[in-house]
């Protein structure tokens, strides 16, 4: 079963530079996402597991935390250290954290 983390733990992980995977749809992602989050829509996540790091935690986020839990389960079954972010992007925003619109500033584009 995938591990779920609360927002304060995710904020610390994000500040430490850990990978965030956003499993929402491209239009949701471009409307506003966690800075640096990599978009991999939930429906395509199983095809991308081989491209994700096996040696570090991966934080999976969606809008509110439901799809991210399913996504973290997919990654956990693939042998990855995946954590679902409780509260999702809405919780991130409610906590006063910044969001980016459009493509990620790190150059990742919607899948």
C-alpha atoms as a PDB file:
ATOM      1  CA  UNK A   1       0.000   0.000   0.000  1.00  0.00           C
ATOM      2  CA  UNK A   2       1.280   3.462  -0.897  1.00  0.00           C
ATOM      3  CA  UNK A   3       2.265   5.847   1.851  1.00  0.00           C
ATOM      4  CA  UNK A   4       0.357   9.135   2.176  1.00  0.00           C
ATOM      5  CA  UNK A   5       2.124  12.258   3.429  1.00  0.00           C
ATOM      6  CA  UNK A   6       0.609  15.383   4.895  1.00  0.00           C
ATOM      7  CA  UNK A   7       1.348  18.799   3.416  1.00  0.00           C
ATOM      8  CA  UNK A   8       4.108  19.867   5.863  1.00  0.00           C
ATOM      9  CA  UNK A   9       6.125  16.730   5.034  1.00  0.00           C
ATOM     10  CA  UNK A  10       5.630  17.301   1.300  1.00  0.00           C
ATOM     11  CA  UNK A  11       6.699  20.940   1.600  1.00  0.00           C
ATOM     12  CA  UNK A  12       9.960  19.811   3.245  1.00  0.00           C
ATOM     13  CA  UNK A  13      10.501  17.162   0.548  1.00  0.00           C
ATOM     14  CA  UNK A  14       9.816  19.698  -2.205  1.00  0.00           C
ATOM     15  CA  UNK A  15      12.232  22.177  -0.652  1.00  0.00           C
ATOM     16  CA  UNK A  16      14.831  19.386  -0.528  1.00  0.00           C
ATOM     17  CA  UNK A  17      14.426  18.873  -4.287  1.00  0.00           C
ATOM     18  CA  UNK A  18      12.626  15.523  -4.352  1.00  0.00           C
ATOM     19  CA  UNK A  19      10.767  14.587  -7.519  1.00  0.00           C
ATOM     20  CA  UNK A  20       7.084  15.510  -7.712  1.00  0.00           C
ATOM     21  CA  UNK A  21       4.889  13.766 -10.274  1.00  0.00           C
ATOM     22  CA  UNK A  22       1.558  15.441 -11.085  1.00  0.00           C
ATOM     23  CA  UNK A  23      -0.971  12.836 -12.266  1.00  0.00           C
ATOM     24  CA  UNK A  24      -3.696  15.263 -13.365  1.00  0.00           C
ATOM     25  CA  UNK A  25      -4.696  15.916 -16.959  1.00  0.00           C
ATOM     26  CA  UNK A  26      -2.661  18.410 -19.054  1.00  0.00           C
ATOM     27  CA  UNK A  27      -5.278  21.177 -18.872  1.00  0.00           C
ATOM     28  CA  UNK A  28      -5.378  20.920 -15.065  1.00  0.00           C
ATOM     29  CA  UNK A  29      -1.591  20.998 -14.893  1.00  0.00           C
ATOM     30  CA  UNK A  30      -1.198  24.058 -17.117  1.00  0.00           C
ATOM     31  CA  UNK A  31      -3.876  25.888 -15.093  1.00  0.00           C
ATOM     32  CA  UNK A  32      -1.618  25.681 -12.027  1.00  0.00           C
ATOM     33  CA  UNK A  33       0.887  23.211 -10.597  1.00  0.00           C
ATOM     34  CA  UNK A  34       3.579  22.844  -7.966  1.00  0.00           C
ATOM     35  CA  UNK A  35       6.799  24.405  -9.297  1.00  0.00           C
ATOM     36  CA  UNK A  36       8.999  21.765 -10.899  1.00  0.00           C
ATOM     37  CA  UNK A  37       6.329  19.044 -10.900  1.00  0.00           C
ATOM     38  CA  UNK A  38       6.575  16.587 -13.777  1.00  0.00           C
ATOM     39  CA  UNK A  39       3.290  15.896 -15.542  1.00  0.00           C
ATOM     40  CA  UNK A  40       2.424  12.241 -16.112  1.00  0.00           C
ATOM     41  CA  UNK A  41      -1.371  11.808 -16.315  1.00  0.00           C
ATOM     42  CA  UNK A  42      -2.659   8.916 -14.214  1.00  0.00           C
ATOM     43  CA  UNK A  43      -3.862   6.967 -17.253  1.00  0.00           C
ATOM     44  CA  UNK A  44      -0.358   6.909 -18.734  1.00  0.00           C
ATOM     45  CA  UNK A  45       1.587   6.389 -15.499  1.00  0.00           C
ATOM     46  CA  UNK A  46       2.160   2.622 -15.939  1.00  0.00           C
ATOM     47  CA  UNK A  47       4.009   3.294 -19.217  1.00  0.00           C
ATOM     48  CA  UNK A  48       6.386   5.746 -17.492  1.00  0.00           C
ATOM     49  CA  UNK A  49       7.524   3.767 -14.453  1.00  0.00           C
ATOM     50  CA  UNK A  50      10.819   2.745 -16.096  1.00  0.00           C
ATOM     51  CA  UNK A  51      11.762   6.420 -16.596  1.00  0.00           C
ATOM     52  CA  UNK A  52      11.370   7.288 -12.916  1.00  0.00           C
ATOM     53  CA  UNK A  53      14.192   7.035 -10.363  1.00  0.00           C
ATOM     54  CA  UNK A  54      14.302   3.901  -8.255  1.00  0.00           C
ATOM     55  CA  UNK A  55      16.791   5.302  -5.739  1.00  0.00           C
ATOM     56  CA  UNK A  56      14.823   8.232  -4.325  1.00  0.00           C
ATOM     57  CA  UNK A  57      11.337   9.039  -3.045  1.00  0.00           C
ATOM     58  CA  UNK A  58       8.735  10.222  -5.527  1.00  0.00           C
ATOM     59  CA  UNK A  59       5.890  12.456  -4.383  1.00  0.00           C
ATOM     60  CA  UNK A  60       2.671  12.004  -6.368  1.00  0.00           C
ATOM     61  CA  UNK A  61       0.184  14.876  -6.448  1.00  0.00           C
ATOM     62  CA  UNK A  62      -3.177  15.584  -8.081  1.00  0.00           C
ATOM     63  CA  UNK A  63      -5.919  18.110  -7.375  1.00  0.00           C
ATOM     64  CA  UNK A  64      -7.078  16.894  -3.961  1.00  0.00           C
ATOM     65  CA  UNK A  65      -5.308  13.618  -3.151  1.00  0.00           C
ATOM     66  CA  UNK A  66      -7.516  10.886  -4.629  1.00  0.00           C
ATOM     67  CA  UNK A  67      -5.806  10.283  -7.981  1.00  0.00           C
ATOM     68  CA  UNK A  68      -2.396  10.690  -6.384  1.00  0.00           C
ATOM     69  CA  UNK A  69      -3.122   7.794  -4.037  1.00  0.00           C
ATOM     70  CA  UNK A  70      -3.976   5.607  -7.031  1.00  0.00           C
ATOM     71  CA  UNK A  71      -0.844   6.839  -8.816  1.00  0.00           C
ATOM     72  CA  UNK A  72       1.351   6.159  -5.813  1.00  0.00           C
ATOM     73  CA  UNK A  73      -0.081   2.621  -5.706  1.00  0.00           C
ATOM     74  CA  UNK A  74       0.917   2.100  -9.361  1.00  0.00           C
ATOM     75  CA  UNK A  75       4.450   3.268  -8.628  1.00  0.00           C
ATOM     76  CA  UNK A  76       4.727   1.271  -5.408  1.00  0.00           C
ATOM     77  CA  UNK A  77       3.689  -1.913  -7.244  1.00  0.00           C
ATOM     78  CA  UNK A  78       6.445  -1.120  -9.778  1.00  0.00           C
ATOM     79  CA  UNK A  79       8.992  -1.123  -6.964  1.00  0.00           C
ATOM     80  CA  UNK A  80       9.335   2.646  -6.545  1.00  0.00           C
ATOM     81  CA  UNK A  81       9.333   4.618  -3.289  1.00  0.00           C
ATOM     82  CA  UNK A  82       6.123   6.556  -3.947  1.00  0.00           C
ATOM     83  CA  UNK A  83       4.215   8.848  -1.588  1.00  0.00           C
ATOM     84  CA  UNK A  84       0.781  10.359  -2.204  1.00  0.00           C
ATOM     85  CA  UNK A  85       0.382  14.007  -1.191  1.00  0.00           C
ATOM     86  CA  UNK A  86      -2.725  14.396   0.977  1.00  0.00           C
ATOM     87  CA  UNK A  87      -4.722  17.464  -0.004  1.00  0.00           C
ATOM     88  CA  UNK A  88      -3.101  17.693  -3.433  1.00  0.00           C
ATOM     89  CA  UNK A  89      -2.456  20.877  -5.340  1.00  0.00           C
ATOM     90  CA  UNK A  90      -5.470  22.547  -3.717  1.00  0.00           C
ATOM     91  CA  UNK A  91      -3.960  21.892  -0.282  1.00  0.00           C
ATOM     92  CA  UNK A  92      -0.600  23.173  -1.529  1.00  0.00           C
ATOM     93  CA  UNK A  93      -2.262  26.411  -2.623  1.00  0.00           C
ATOM     94  CA  UNK A  94      -4.372  26.727   0.550  1.00  0.00           C
ATOM     95  CA  UNK A  95      -1.144  26.521   2.563  1.00  0.00           C
ATOM     96  CA  UNK A  96       0.090  29.614   0.706  1.00  0.00           C
ATOM     97  CA  UNK A  97       2.615  27.899  -1.537  1.00  0.00           C
ATOM     98  CA  UNK A  98       3.266  29.156  -5.076  1.00  0.00           C
ATOM     99  CA  UNK A  99       1.919  27.582  -8.249  1.00  0.00           C
ATOM    100  CA  UNK A 100       3.162  27.856 -11.804  1.00  0.00           C
ATOM    101  CA  UNK A 101       0.891  28.088 -14.824  1.00  0.00           C
ATOM    102  CA  UNK A 102       1.727  26.702 -18.239  1.00  0.00           C
ATOM    103  CA  UNK A 103       4.605  24.288 -18.732  1.00  0.00           C
ATOM    104  CA  UNK A 104       6.964  23.552 -15.883  1.00  0.00           C
ATOM    105  CA  UNK A 105       9.882  25.974 -15.497  1.00  0.00           C
ATOM    106  CA  UNK A 106      12.209  22.963 -15.535  1.00  0.00           C
ATOM    107  CA  UNK A 107      11.353  22.328 -19.166  1.00  0.00           C
ATOM    108  CA  UNK A 108       9.063  19.347 -18.610  1.00  0.00           C
ATOM    109  CA  UNK A 109       6.108  19.589 -20.920  1.00  0.00           C
ATOM    110  CA  UNK A 110       2.725  17.914 -20.660  1.00  0.00           C
ATOM    111  CA  UNK A 111       2.963  14.253 -21.650  1.00  0.00           C
END
